[in-house]
Amino acid sequence: MEKLAELYKRWKGEAPVSMTILPEAGSKRKYYRITGNDGESVIGVVGNSRDENHTFIYLTKHFTDRKLPVPHILAVDDDELRYLQTDLGSTSLFDVLRGGRESGGRYNMREKQLLTAVIRELPNIQIRGARGLDWDVCYPQPEFDVDSVLFDLNYFKYCFLKATELEFHELKLEANFRLFAKDLTSEKSESFLYRDFQARNVMLDHAGKPYFIDYQGGRKGPYYYDVASFLWQAAAKYPFKLRRELVYEYYNSLKNYTEVPSVRHFVERLSLFVLFRTLQVLGAYGFRGYFEHKKHFIDSIPPAIDNLRELLKLKKFFPYPYMMDMLRRLTELPQFAHIEEPALSRADGFKTTQHTVYKAHPQDGPATFSKYDGKGPLVVHVYSFSYRKGIPEDVSGNGGGYVFDCRATHNPGRYEPYKQLTGLDEPVIRFLEDDGEIISFLDCVYAMADHHVRRYIQRGFTNLMFCFGCTGGQHRSVYSAQHLAEHLHNKFGIEVHVTHREQNISKVFHAKK
């Protein structure tokens, strides 16, 4: 710690005011938040492995030169056992996604937007980050190869599989392992394999922009690995539909950086790496849980086994009959008995179809003019209400606007856990968004509302009204009104008044300067 303070003093020209050790992560490195007289902070790192530190420092400088979102190296000690880097704050993607994990995989819109932003940024570091990189600096090895695959598969065998006491033929399994390793390494790649790409290793700044950390184990390798590592992290509990959407986002983003294979080929290759990554993490959970007796890792085993169960349904992607039969028997062991969740709490939700809104025909002749033209600026009023108590009155005198009936969508008010909550409460939001019907409904509303608001702004109209009704004015209408209000304010920067009439709640989103 004293040597770290000396490094800071040489870099800053003055001694630090405070040094606070940060909570330990998975590695043996120690992190300190160091604050100076000006109140600005940096992160000081002390690592026991010079080789590992050297790799991180080299990669960070290389990525910084390529303008990638990583911390900057500020100062390095001569022996490379200590260094200073920029402070990216204390908020990781893992922290922000806590609500979705704790609700069993019911991720809300904001969480899904963050996941989309991160997965679309991943090809940037994988493809652009690989250009001009000296692979020989990578630690502990420069490339993803057959030996590294077999090491991880045997790690699974000895640290997890044998601990379950499942009977298996070791030579037959070893033969399938070798076939599996050959297939995983059959395609040469020039991309950067992050290796430990997970939500804990993505930091978010105050604007929600993602920054990548802890890539010192990276090497040359296939980009599929990181997608599998991120989206099939057992504890994250990403539902199938969300995973599929994020894979699609990644695939489309990858096109911006390199030539991509067909969708079919991409999915088949990705499936191999998902299986490999699942066995890899089970090996880690077995060692840290069964042998080191750490409860967190033991608790992580059931969701990882659930991932394995889902993979076993994709038999056509895995031509390793003995290994797949052994894995099937593994998932059927009594200690991994699968408990079916009630329909209401399933994270996958209901399947919905994508609706499209027909574009209006162009108007004949020139645009009309009325006494209302050119008055601006536009103020939008959005209401939620109960049909039992009537449609809200238009106080502007302009004759109202749109009234939308939300009663065709799935009603959370029919279920006891949500009866005392409203569409502003997190459990109700997750219910509606996971179900999906309200999302399709609002997509159509947004299309109409955007066109209407844009034309009102062009013509200088001053008032527009949107009303959402449901049975009690408590769940679906409140959710819809609130989200339309936020959508219009964020997109157009106009003043929006939202009123949840039956809940006696009002809010004004002031016009952006």
Protein backbone atom coordinates (compact mmCIF):
# COMPACT_ATOMS: atom_id res chain seq x y z
CA MET A 1 0.00 0.00 0.00
CA GLU A 2 2.89 2.36 0.77
CA LYS A 3 4.48 1.69 -2.63
CA LEU A 4 1.11 2.36 -4.28
CA ALA A 5 0.94 5.71 -2.45
CA GLU A 6 4.47 6.49 -3.66
CA LEU A 7 3.46 5.69 -7.25
CA TYR A 8 0.50 8.06 -6.91
CA LYS A 9 2.74 10.80 -5.51
CA ARG A 10 5.19 10.46 -8.42
CA TRP A 11 2.32 10.65 -10.89
CA LYS A 12 0.28 13.41 -9.22
CA GLY A 13 3.08 15.37 -7.59
CA GLU A 14 1.44 15.18 -4.17
CA ALA A 15 0.50 12.53 -1.61
CA PRO A 16 -3.03 11.09 -1.70
CA VAL A 17 -5.62 12.32 0.78
CA SER A 18 -7.23 8.89 1.21
CA MET A 19 -6.88 5.29 0.04
CA THR A 20 -9.86 2.95 0.41
CA ILE A 21 -9.61 -0.72 -0.40
CA LEU A 22 -12.45 -1.96 -2.62
CA PRO A 23 -14.36 -5.24 -2.16
CA GLU A 24 -12.52 -8.28 -3.49
CA ALA A 25 -13.53 -9.67 -6.88
CA GLY A 26 -12.73 -13.08 -8.37
CA SER A 27 -9.02 -12.39 -8.88
CA LYS A 28 -6.21 -12.05 -6.33
CA ARG A 29 -5.51 -8.44 -7.30
CA LYS A 30 -6.30 -5.73 -4.75
CA TYR A 31 -8.01 -2.52 -5.81
CA TYR A 32 -7.90 0.84 -4.01
CA ARG A 33 -9.81 4.06 -4.64
CA ILE A 34 -7.26 6.83 -4.20
CA THR A 35 -8.44 10.41 -3.74
CA GLY A 36 -6.34 13.57 -4.09
CA ASN A 37 -6.62 17.13 -2.75
CA ASP A 38 -8.75 18.14 -5.73
CA GLY A 39 -11.35 15.50 -4.84
CA GLU A 40 -10.64 13.52 -8.01
CA SER A 41 -10.17 9.77 -7.59
CA VAL A 42 -8.24 7.07 -9.45
CA ILE A 43 -8.01 3.32 -9.00
CA GLY A 44 -4.78 1.82 -7.71
CA VAL A 45 -4.13 -1.85 -8.47
CA VAL A 46 -1.75 -4.24 -6.73
CA GLY A 47 -1.23 -7.61 -8.40
CA ASN A 48 1.03 -10.52 -7.51
CA SER A 49 1.50 -11.72 -11.09
CA ARG A 50 3.75 -9.49 -13.15
CA ASP A 51 2.85 -11.39 -16.34
CA GLU A 52 -0.86 -10.88 -15.79
CA ASN A 53 -0.36 -7.20 -14.96
CA HIS A 54 1.85 -6.74 -18.02
CA THR A 55 -0.85 -8.23 -20.24
CA PHE A 56 -3.58 -5.98 -18.81
CA ILE A 57 -1.41 -2.87 -19.13
CA TYR A 58 -0.48 -3.72 -22.73
CA LEU A 59 -4.05 -4.55 -23.75
CA THR A 60 -5.43 -1.40 -22.11
CA LYS A 61 -2.95 0.86 -23.88
CA HIS A 62 -3.66 -0.93 -27.17
CA PHE A 63 -7.44 -0.62 -26.74
CA THR A 64 -7.09 3.03 -25.69
CA ASP A 65 -5.15 3.76 -28.88
CA ARG A 66 -8.04 2.22 -30.82
CA LYS A 67 -10.52 4.48 -28.96
CA LEU A 68 -12.29 1.56 -27.27
CA PRO A 69 -14.33 2.04 -24.06
CA VAL A 70 -11.79 0.87 -21.46
CA PRO A 71 -10.07 2.56 -18.48
CA HIS A 72 -6.87 4.53 -19.17
CA ILE A 73 -3.54 3.55 -17.64
CA LEU A 74 -2.19 6.58 -15.75
CA ALA A 75 1.03 5.31 -14.19
CA VAL A 76 2.93 2.01 -13.83
CA ASP A 77 5.59 1.01 -11.29
CA ASP A 78 8.92 -0.19 -12.69
CA ASP A 79 8.25 -3.81 -11.65
CA GLU A 80 4.66 -3.68 -13.03
CA LEU A 81 3.25 -5.02 -9.75
CA ARG A 82 1.35 -1.76 -9.19
CA TYR A 83 -0.39 0.64 -11.53
CA LEU A 84 -2.97 3.43 -11.59
CA GLN A 85 -5.99 3.58 -13.89
CA THR A 86 -8.96 5.88 -14.35
CA ASP A 87 -11.86 5.48 -11.93
CA LEU A 88 -14.97 4.34 -13.80
CA GLY A 89 -17.16 4.59 -10.70
CA SER A 90 -18.83 1.89 -8.65
CA THR A 91 -21.79 0.89 -10.81
CA SER A 92 -21.46 -2.28 -12.84
CA LEU A 93 -23.98 -3.74 -15.26
CA PHE A 94 -24.37 -6.58 -12.76
CA ASP A 95 -25.49 -4.08 -10.10
CA VAL A 96 -28.02 -2.42 -12.39
CA LEU A 97 -29.53 -5.76 -13.45
CA ARG A 98 -30.16 -6.88 -9.89
CA GLY A 99 -33.93 -6.33 -10.11
CA GLY A 100 -34.24 -8.57 -13.17
CA ARG A 101 -32.23 -11.37 -11.56
CA GLU A 102 -34.11 -11.23 -8.27
CA SER A 103 -37.45 -11.34 -10.06
CA GLY A 104 -36.49 -14.58 -11.79
CA GLY A 105 -35.55 -13.09 -15.15
CA ARG A 106 -38.26 -10.44 -15.55
CA TYR A 107 -36.07 -7.69 -17.01
CA ASN A 108 -37.72 -4.32 -17.55
CA MET A 109 -37.29 -2.03 -20.56
CA ARG A 110 -34.40 -0.04 -19.08
CA GLU A 111 -32.49 -3.22 -18.23
CA LYS A 112 -33.11 -4.64 -21.70
CA GLN A 113 -31.87 -1.40 -23.28
CA LEU A 114 -28.64 -1.61 -21.29
CA LEU A 115 -28.14 -5.26 -22.26
CA THR A 116 -28.71 -4.35 -25.90
CA ALA A 117 -26.19 -1.48 -25.73
CA VAL A 118 -23.56 -3.74 -24.19
CA ILE A 119 -24.01 -6.69 -26.56
CA ARG A 120 -23.89 -4.34 -29.57
CA GLU A 121 -20.62 -2.87 -28.27
CA LEU A 122 -18.97 -6.28 -27.83
CA PRO A 123 -17.90 -6.71 -31.50
CA ASN A 124 -16.10 -3.38 -31.26
CA ILE A 125 -13.56 -4.72 -28.78
CA GLN A 126 -13.49 -8.20 -30.37
CA ILE A 127 -12.83 -7.08 -33.96
CA ARG A 128 -11.35 -3.58 -33.81
CA GLY A 129 -9.46 -4.46 -30.65
CA ALA A 130 -7.77 -7.38 -32.40
CA ARG A 131 -6.27 -5.25 -35.16
CA GLY A 132 -2.55 -4.76 -34.66
CA LEU A 133 -2.57 -6.66 -31.37
CA ASP A 134 0.57 -8.63 -30.41
CA TRP A 135 -0.93 -11.99 -29.43
CA ASP A 136 2.32 -13.17 -27.85
CA VAL A 137 1.71 -10.77 -24.96
CA CYS A 138 -1.52 -12.54 -24.00
CA TYR A 139 -1.44 -14.46 -20.71
CA PRO A 140 -1.35 -17.35 -19.98
CA GLN A 141 -1.51 -18.30 -23.67
CA PRO A 142 -1.92 -16.45 -26.96
CA GLU A 143 -4.69 -18.48 -28.60
CA PHE A 144 -7.79 -20.57 -27.97
CA ASP A 145 -6.73 -24.09 -29.00
CA VAL A 146 -7.48 -27.80 -28.53
CA ASP A 147 -5.28 -28.09 -25.43
CA SER A 148 -7.10 -25.24 -23.65
CA VAL A 149 -10.49 -26.78 -24.51
CA LEU A 150 -9.46 -30.21 -23.23
CA PHE A 151 -8.11 -28.63 -20.06
CA ASP A 152 -11.51 -27.05 -19.33
CA LEU A 153 -13.44 -30.21 -20.23
CA ASN A 154 -11.28 -32.27 -17.88
CA TYR A 155 -11.72 -29.57 -15.24
CA PHE A 156 -15.46 -30.22 -15.57
CA LYS A 157 -14.91 -33.99 -15.37
CA TYR A 158 -12.71 -34.02 -12.28
CA CYS A 159 -14.12 -31.08 -10.31
CA PHE A 160 -17.82 -31.54 -11.01
CA LEU A 161 -18.75 -34.77 -12.73
CA LYS A 162 -16.81 -37.11 -10.44
CA ALA A 163 -18.07 -35.26 -7.37
CA THR A 164 -21.66 -36.20 -8.34
CA GLU A 165 -20.69 -39.92 -8.28
CA LEU A 166 -22.41 -40.45 -11.65
CA GLU A 167 -21.23 -43.65 -13.35
CA PHE A 168 -19.61 -43.09 -16.77
CA HIS A 169 -17.12 -44.73 -19.13
CA GLU A 170 -14.05 -42.53 -18.97
CA LEU A 171 -12.49 -43.59 -22.29
CA LYS A 172 -15.73 -43.13 -24.24
CA LEU A 173 -16.23 -39.72 -22.68
CA GLU A 174 -12.62 -38.76 -23.43
CA ALA A 175 -13.12 -39.71 -27.10
CA ASN A 176 -16.17 -37.45 -27.33
CA PHE A 177 -14.31 -34.66 -25.54
CA ARG A 178 -11.63 -34.81 -28.25
CA LEU A 179 -14.21 -34.62 -31.04
CA PHE A 180 -15.87 -31.71 -29.25
CA ALA A 181 -12.54 -29.88 -28.86
CA LYS A 182 -11.72 -30.42 -32.54
CA ASP A 183 -15.07 -28.92 -33.61
CA LEU A 184 -14.74 -25.93 -31.29
CA THR A 185 -11.37 -25.04 -32.78
CA SER A 186 -12.14 -25.97 -36.40
CA GLU A 187 -12.58 -22.36 -37.58
CA LYS A 188 -9.61 -20.01 -37.46
CA SER A 189 -10.35 -16.61 -36.02
CA GLU A 190 -8.57 -13.27 -35.88
CA SER A 191 -10.82 -11.76 -33.21
CA PHE A 192 -10.10 -10.96 -29.57
CA LEU A 193 -11.66 -13.51 -27.20
CA TYR A 194 -12.43 -11.59 -24.02
CA ARG A 195 -12.83 -14.87 -22.09
CA ASP A 196 -14.40 -13.36 -18.96
CA PHE A 197 -17.11 -11.26 -20.57
CA GLN A 198 -19.82 -10.96 -17.93
CA ALA A 199 -22.01 -8.29 -16.36
CA ARG A 200 -19.60 -7.77 -13.44
CA ASN A 201 -16.90 -6.73 -15.91
CA VAL A 202 -18.93 -3.96 -17.54
CA MET A 203 -18.95 -0.60 -15.74
CA LEU A 204 -21.55 2.08 -16.46
CA ASP A 205 -20.88 5.81 -16.26
CA HIS A 206 -23.51 8.35 -15.11
CA ALA A 207 -25.02 8.40 -18.62
CA GLY A 208 -25.22 4.61 -18.80
CA LYS A 209 -22.35 4.24 -21.31
CA PRO A 210 -20.63 0.84 -20.89
CA TYR A 211 -16.89 0.44 -20.25
CA PHE A 212 -15.04 -2.89 -20.30
CA ILE A 213 -12.66 -4.10 -17.58
CA ASP A 214 -10.84 -7.34 -16.56
CA TYR A 215 -9.89 -8.64 -20.01
CA GLN A 216 -6.35 -9.69 -19.03
CA GLY A 217 -7.19 -13.36 -19.72
CA GLY A 218 -8.08 -12.58 -23.34
CA ARG A 219 -6.48 -14.17 -26.37
CA LYS A 220 -7.02 -14.81 -30.07
CA GLY A 221 -10.15 -16.87 -30.52
CA PRO A 222 -13.72 -17.20 -31.83
CA TYR A 223 -16.18 -14.45 -30.99
CA TYR A 224 -18.92 -17.01 -30.20
CA TYR A 225 -17.29 -17.76 -26.86
CA ASP A 226 -17.96 -14.31 -25.36
CA VAL A 227 -21.60 -14.27 -26.54
CA ALA A 228 -22.14 -17.64 -24.85
CA SER A 229 -20.32 -16.50 -21.71
CA PHE A 230 -22.43 -13.34 -21.41
CA LEU A 231 -25.92 -14.51 -22.35
CA TRP A 232 -25.83 -17.97 -20.77
CA GLN A 233 -24.46 -16.85 -17.41
CA ALA A 234 -26.48 -19.10 -15.10
CA ALA A 235 -27.22 -16.61 -12.35
CA ALA A 236 -28.51 -13.98 -14.81
CA LYS A 237 -31.61 -16.06 -15.64
CA TYR A 238 -32.11 -14.39 -19.02
CA PRO A 239 -35.36 -15.75 -20.51
CA PHE A 240 -35.23 -17.50 -23.86
CA LYS A 241 -36.97 -14.68 -25.72
CA LEU A 242 -34.57 -12.06 -24.38
CA ARG A 243 -31.53 -14.20 -25.20
CA ARG A 244 -32.78 -14.66 -28.74
CA GLU A 245 -33.28 -10.91 -29.16
CA LEU A 246 -29.80 -10.14 -27.83
CA VAL A 247 -28.16 -12.75 -30.09
CA TYR A 248 -29.93 -11.04 -33.00
CA GLU A 249 -28.64 -7.62 -31.84
CA TYR A 250 -25.09 -8.99 -31.58
CA TYR A 251 -25.25 -10.62 -35.02
CA ASN A 252 -26.43 -7.40 -36.67
CA SER A 253 -23.80 -5.34 -34.86
CA LEU A 254 -21.07 -7.80 -35.89
CA LYS A 255 -21.90 -7.04 -39.54
CA ASN A 256 -20.56 -3.52 -39.01
CA TYR A 257 -17.08 -4.84 -38.21
CA THR A 258 -16.49 -7.99 -40.25
CA GLU A 259 -17.97 -10.43 -42.73
CA VAL A 260 -20.42 -12.71 -40.95
CA PRO A 261 -21.52 -16.29 -41.67
CA SER A 262 -25.11 -17.19 -42.44
CA VAL A 263 -27.58 -17.05 -39.57
CA ARG A 264 -27.90 -20.85 -39.59
CA HIS A 265 -24.15 -21.36 -39.38
CA PHE A 266 -23.85 -18.70 -36.69
CA VAL A 267 -26.53 -20.35 -34.52
CA GLU A 268 -25.01 -23.81 -34.90
CA ARG A 269 -21.54 -22.58 -33.95
CA LEU A 270 -22.89 -20.54 -31.05
CA SER A 271 -24.71 -23.62 -29.71
CA LEU A 272 -21.41 -25.51 -29.49
CA PHE A 273 -19.86 -22.72 -27.44
CA VAL A 274 -22.90 -22.43 -25.18
CA LEU A 275 -22.54 -26.13 -24.32
CA PHE A 276 -18.80 -25.75 -23.80
CA ARG A 277 -19.24 -22.68 -21.60
CA THR A 278 -21.92 -24.47 -19.54
CA LEU A 279 -19.58 -27.40 -18.81
CA GLN A 280 -16.77 -24.96 -18.09
CA VAL A 281 -18.72 -23.04 -15.45
CA LEU A 282 -20.01 -26.27 -13.87
CA GLY A 283 -16.37 -27.26 -13.42
CA ALA A 284 -15.66 -23.93 -11.72
CA TYR A 285 -18.79 -24.20 -9.54
CA GLY A 286 -17.82 -27.74 -8.57
CA PHE A 287 -14.32 -26.74 -7.49
CA ARG A 288 -15.34 -23.56 -5.66
CA GLY A 289 -18.47 -25.15 -4.20
CA TYR A 290 -17.76 -28.83 -3.52
CA PHE A 291 -14.08 -28.47 -2.67
CA GLU A 292 -13.77 -24.92 -1.30
CA HIS A 293 -17.26 -25.10 0.29
CA LYS A 294 -18.38 -21.66 -0.93
CA LYS A 295 -22.16 -21.46 -0.76
CA HIS A 296 -22.51 -18.92 -3.58
CA PHE A 297 -21.09 -21.39 -6.09
CA ILE A 298 -23.16 -24.29 -4.80
CA ASP A 299 -26.28 -22.10 -5.20
CA SER A 300 -25.24 -21.37 -8.80
CA ILE A 301 -25.28 -25.04 -9.81
CA PRO A 302 -29.09 -25.54 -10.22
CA PRO A 303 -29.54 -22.68 -12.76
CA ALA A 304 -26.50 -23.97 -14.67
CA ILE A 305 -28.08 -27.45 -14.76
CA ASP A 306 -31.28 -25.83 -16.04
CA ASN A 307 -29.24 -24.28 -18.88
CA LEU A 308 -27.87 -27.73 -19.63
CA ARG A 309 -31.38 -29.20 -19.76
CA GLU A 310 -32.38 -26.63 -22.37
CA LEU A 311 -29.29 -27.39 -24.44
CA LEU A 312 -30.02 -31.12 -24.45
CA LYS A 313 -33.14 -30.35 -26.48
CA LEU A 314 -30.89 -29.21 -29.37
CA LYS A 315 -29.61 -32.71 -30.13
CA LYS A 316 -28.96 -32.08 -33.83
CA PHE A 317 -26.22 -29.56 -33.01
CA PHE A 318 -24.18 -31.96 -30.87
CA PRO A 319 -22.85 -35.10 -32.67
CA TYR A 320 -21.32 -36.58 -29.49
CA PRO A 321 -23.71 -39.40 -28.52
CA TYR A 322 -21.94 -40.74 -25.46
CA MET A 323 -21.25 -37.30 -23.97
CA MET A 324 -24.84 -36.17 -24.55
CA ASP A 325 -26.26 -39.33 -22.97
CA MET A 326 -23.99 -38.86 -19.97
CA LEU A 327 -25.12 -35.20 -19.63
CA ARG A 328 -28.78 -36.28 -19.83
CA ARG A 329 -28.23 -38.76 -17.00
CA LEU A 330 -26.45 -36.01 -15.07
CA THR A 331 -29.49 -33.71 -15.21
CA GLU A 332 -31.71 -36.57 -13.96
CA LEU A 333 -29.76 -37.11 -10.74
CA PRO A 334 -31.95 -36.64 -7.61
CA GLN A 335 -29.84 -33.72 -6.34
CA PHE A 336 -30.62 -31.83 -9.55
CA ALA A 337 -34.33 -32.64 -9.64
CA HIS A 338 -36.07 -30.01 -11.75
CA ILE A 339 -38.97 -28.19 -10.07
CA GLU A 340 -41.44 -26.78 -12.59
CA GLU A 341 -42.36 -23.17 -11.84
CA PRO A 342 -46.03 -22.10 -11.86
CA ALA A 343 -47.12 -20.52 -15.12
CA LEU A 344 -47.36 -17.02 -13.63
CA SER A 345 -43.72 -16.92 -12.52
CA ARG A 346 -42.11 -18.33 -15.67
CA ALA A 347 -39.59 -15.92 -17.07
CA ASP A 348 -40.12 -16.78 -20.74
CA GLY A 349 -43.54 -15.12 -20.87
CA PHE A 350 -46.07 -15.45 -23.68
CA LYS A 351 -45.20 -15.43 -27.34
CA THR A 352 -46.56 -12.45 -29.26
CA THR A 353 -46.60 -11.56 -32.92
CA GLN A 354 -45.13 -8.40 -34.35
CA HIS A 355 -47.85 -6.07 -35.66
CA THR A 356 -47.25 -3.42 -38.26
CA VAL A 357 -49.04 -0.11 -38.70
CA TYR A 358 -50.05 0.82 -42.25
CA LYS A 359 -48.64 4.09 -43.49
CA ALA A 360 -51.21 6.75 -44.36
CA HIS A 361 -51.71 7.80 -47.96
CA PRO A 362 -50.25 11.23 -48.84
CA GLN A 363 -52.82 14.01 -48.62
CA ASP A 364 -54.09 15.44 -51.89
CA GLY A 365 -53.26 19.05 -52.54
CA PRO A 366 -51.45 21.56 -50.32
CA ALA A 367 -51.57 21.43 -46.54
CA THR A 368 -54.61 23.12 -45.03
CA PHE A 369 -54.47 26.17 -42.77
CA SER A 370 -56.69 26.94 -39.80
CA LYS A 371 -56.92 29.46 -36.99
CA TYR A 372 -55.04 27.00 -34.76
CA ASP A 373 -51.91 26.94 -36.95
CA GLY A 374 -48.69 28.57 -35.72
CA LYS A 375 -49.72 29.05 -32.08
CA GLY A 376 -47.18 26.57 -30.45
CA PRO A 377 -45.45 25.33 -28.41
CA LEU A 378 -47.20 21.99 -28.12
CA VAL A 379 -48.23 20.64 -24.71
CA VAL A 380 -49.38 17.00 -24.52
CA HIS A 381 -51.73 15.71 -21.81
CA VAL A 382 -51.77 11.97 -21.13
CA TYR A 383 -54.34 10.31 -18.86
CA SER A 384 -54.98 6.87 -17.40
CA PHE A 385 -58.54 6.14 -16.30
CA SER A 386 -61.14 3.53 -15.44
CA TYR A 387 -63.94 2.99 -17.95
CA ARG A 388 -66.26 2.56 -14.98
CA LYS A 389 -65.82 6.29 -14.24
CA GLY A 390 -65.89 7.63 -17.78
CA ILE A 391 -63.38 9.10 -20.23
CA PRO A 392 -61.42 12.13 -18.94
CA GLU A 393 -62.76 15.53 -19.96
CA ASP A 394 -60.83 17.63 -22.45
CA VAL A 395 -60.16 20.93 -20.65
CA SER A 396 -58.38 22.55 -23.63
CA GLY A 397 -61.58 22.92 -25.62
CA ASN A 398 -60.00 21.34 -28.71
CA GLY A 399 -62.13 18.24 -28.68
CA GLY A 400 -59.74 15.66 -27.17
CA GLY A 401 -57.43 13.38 -29.14
CA TYR A 402 -56.85 9.64 -28.85
CA VAL A 403 -58.55 7.22 -26.46
CA PHE A 404 -56.99 3.74 -26.26
CA ASP A 405 -58.65 0.70 -24.70
CA CYS A 406 -56.07 -1.43 -22.82
CA ARG A 407 -58.55 -4.11 -21.76
CA ALA A 408 -57.55 -6.54 -24.52
CA THR A 409 -54.13 -7.04 -22.89
CA HIS A 410 -53.29 -9.47 -20.09
CA ASN A 411 -54.46 -8.03 -16.75
CA PRO A 412 -52.11 -8.38 -13.76
CA GLY A 413 -54.96 -7.25 -11.51
CA ARG A 414 -56.44 -10.75 -11.81
CA TYR A 415 -53.58 -12.15 -9.72
CA GLU A 416 -53.33 -11.69 -5.98
CA PRO A 417 -49.69 -10.47 -5.79
CA TYR A 418 -50.52 -7.43 -7.96
CA LYS A 419 -53.96 -6.41 -6.66
CA GLN A 420 -52.64 -3.64 -4.37
CA LEU A 421 -50.02 -2.39 -6.85
CA THR A 422 -50.22 -0.07 -9.88
CA GLY A 423 -48.64 0.13 -13.31
CA LEU A 424 -45.91 2.31 -11.77
CA ASP A 425 -44.70 -0.48 -9.48
CA GLU A 426 -41.78 -2.68 -10.50
CA PRO A 427 -43.51 -6.09 -10.11
CA VAL A 428 -46.39 -4.97 -12.33
CA ILE A 429 -44.01 -3.49 -14.90
CA ARG A 430 -42.10 -6.78 -15.07
CA PHE A 431 -45.34 -8.78 -15.38
CA LEU A 432 -46.60 -6.68 -18.29
CA GLU A 433 -43.30 -6.51 -20.15
CA ASP A 434 -42.55 -10.19 -19.70
CA ASP A 435 -46.02 -11.06 -20.97
CA GLY A 436 -45.35 -8.92 -24.04
CA GLU A 437 -48.89 -8.00 -25.14
CA ILE A 438 -48.62 -4.47 -23.75
CA ILE A 439 -45.36 -3.95 -25.66
CA SER A 440 -46.97 -4.84 -29.01
CA PHE A 441 -49.95 -2.68 -28.12
CA LEU A 442 -47.75 0.33 -27.33
CA ASP A 443 -45.65 -0.14 -30.47
CA CYS A 444 -48.77 0.62 -32.48
CA VAL A 445 -49.68 3.53 -30.22
CA TYR A 446 -46.18 5.02 -30.52
CA ALA A 447 -46.37 4.88 -34.32
CA MET A 448 -49.62 6.86 -34.39
CA ALA A 449 -48.62 9.22 -31.59
CA ASP A 450 -45.23 10.05 -33.13
CA HIS A 451 -46.79 10.97 -36.45
CA HIS A 452 -49.49 13.06 -34.78
CA VAL A 453 -47.09 14.91 -32.47
CA ARG A 454 -44.66 15.60 -35.32
CA ARG A 455 -47.42 17.16 -37.44
CA TYR A 456 -48.75 19.19 -34.50
CA ILE A 457 -45.28 20.59 -33.86
CA GLN A 458 -44.89 21.45 -37.55
CA ARG A 459 -48.21 23.26 -37.59
CA GLY A 460 -47.70 25.00 -34.26
CA PHE A 461 -50.68 23.43 -32.46
CA THR A 462 -50.73 23.86 -28.70
CA ASN A 463 -52.71 20.92 -27.28
CA LEU A 464 -52.96 17.19 -27.80
CA MET A 465 -54.54 14.60 -25.53
CA PHE A 466 -54.02 10.84 -25.15
CA CYS A 467 -56.13 8.69 -22.82
CA PHE A 468 -55.65 5.06 -21.79
CA GLY A 469 -58.51 3.19 -20.17
CA CYS A 470 -58.76 -0.19 -18.50
CA THR A 471 -61.11 -1.84 -16.04
CA GLY A 472 -59.91 -0.15 -12.85
CA GLY A 473 -57.48 2.49 -14.10
CA GLN A 474 -54.78 0.88 -11.97
CA HIS A 475 -52.45 -1.41 -13.91
CA ARG A 476 -52.48 -1.52 -17.73
CA SER A 477 -53.72 2.03 -18.34
CA VAL A 478 -51.28 3.49 -15.79
CA TYR A 479 -48.35 1.63 -17.36
CA SER A 480 -49.36 2.70 -20.88
CA ALA A 481 -49.94 6.36 -20.03
CA GLN A 482 -46.67 6.66 -18.12
CA HIS A 483 -44.64 5.05 -20.90
CA LEU A 484 -46.21 7.12 -23.67
CA ALA A 485 -45.55 10.31 -21.67
CA GLU A 486 -41.90 9.38 -21.18
CA HIS A 487 -41.57 8.29 -24.81
CA LEU A 488 -42.92 11.58 -26.23
CA HIS A 489 -40.87 13.71 -23.85
CA ASN A 490 -37.65 11.81 -24.59
CA LYS A 491 -38.20 11.78 -28.36
CA PHE A 492 -39.50 15.30 -28.98
CA GLY A 493 -38.41 17.22 -25.86
CA ILE A 494 -41.88 18.73 -25.50
CA GLU A 495 -43.83 19.47 -22.34
CA VAL A 496 -45.94 16.48 -21.28
CA HIS A 497 -48.45 16.29 -18.42
CA VAL A 498 -49.32 12.78 -17.26
CA THR A 499 -52.29 12.22 -14.94
CA HIS A 500 -53.28 8.89 -13.43
CA ARG A 501 -56.78 9.96 -12.53
CA GLU A 502 -57.91 7.04 -10.41
CA GLN A 503 -54.59 6.99 -8.51
CA ASN A 504 -54.55 10.78 -7.87
CA ILE A 505 -51.02 10.97 -9.31
CA SER A 506 -49.79 13.70 -11.67
CA LYS A 507 -46.42 14.65 -13.08
CA VAL A 508 -45.12 17.26 -15.51
CA PHE A 509 -42.22 16.58 -17.87
CA HIS A 510 -41.01 20.08 -18.68
CA ALA A 511 -39.91 20.99 -22.19
CA LYS A 512 -36.20 20.54 -22.83
CA LYS A 513 -34.30 23.77 -23.40
